[in-house]
Amino acid sequence: MKSARSERVTLAALAEIEKRQQRFPVCALVSCNQRVKRLDEFGLCSKVSDSHKVWRAQTRREMGVVFR
């Protein structure tokens, strides 16, 4: 079982991490919403979930990019 002090230290560390990441951009996919240092050309994080793949494919089609 965690001690109260240990829990306070953990919460303080998490708050510091959150504070530092506030300036990072957020993935454009609302269901993801992950903060990252850099987004890809589609405004997404580097995840390759099905929803991320679909977003990228739709964006490519909208941009008229054809892959062979």
Foldseek 3Di string as FASTA:
>chain_A
DDDPVRVVVVVVVVVVVCVVQPPFQFAPPVVGRDGDNDAPPLSGDPDDDPVVVVSVVVVCVVVVHDDD
